[in-house]
């Protein structure tokens, strides 16, 4: 569709580059959600999940609220709300909680062994920590993509403040 819009003659300029950035960010968002899903199925639940469940719920709530606001904005071409919940604060809390949990739960001595062929084997408790670190990286990337999409939606559709009269939109 973007290729068709590039070739179409129009009196009004269309932000084709911004639309293609939104499409690319949406593709990366889907790939990142799939990666997080795969990581979640491989994380040993007993060693990582239970202690940080309330913080994880806070992060998921912020992500879903932002995705819902983005979907409504793109669907109806209406401005985004002025204030959206930040995904950064719950993400930072989650990363800190997982670090504290991993330091508390793992013993000081690590059981890493190297075989004669050069392969490294790691304990199951360290494996849970490695999966948690990979999931944290994926969540950071997910929050970055959501921030990109919010910035693009604000550029395309503006933002609606609660002080404004109905129909008044701030372009940012």
Foldseek 3Di string as FASTA:
>chain_A
DLVVVVPDDDPDDDPSVLVVVLVVLVVVLVVLVVVLVVLVVVAPCVQADDQCPVLVVVLVVLLVQLVVQLVVCVVVVAAGAPDGDQNVVSLVVSVVRRVVSLVVPDDPDWDWDADPVGDIDGDSSVVNVVSVVVSSVSSVVNSVSSVSSNVSSCQRRAHDYPVDDPPDGHRD
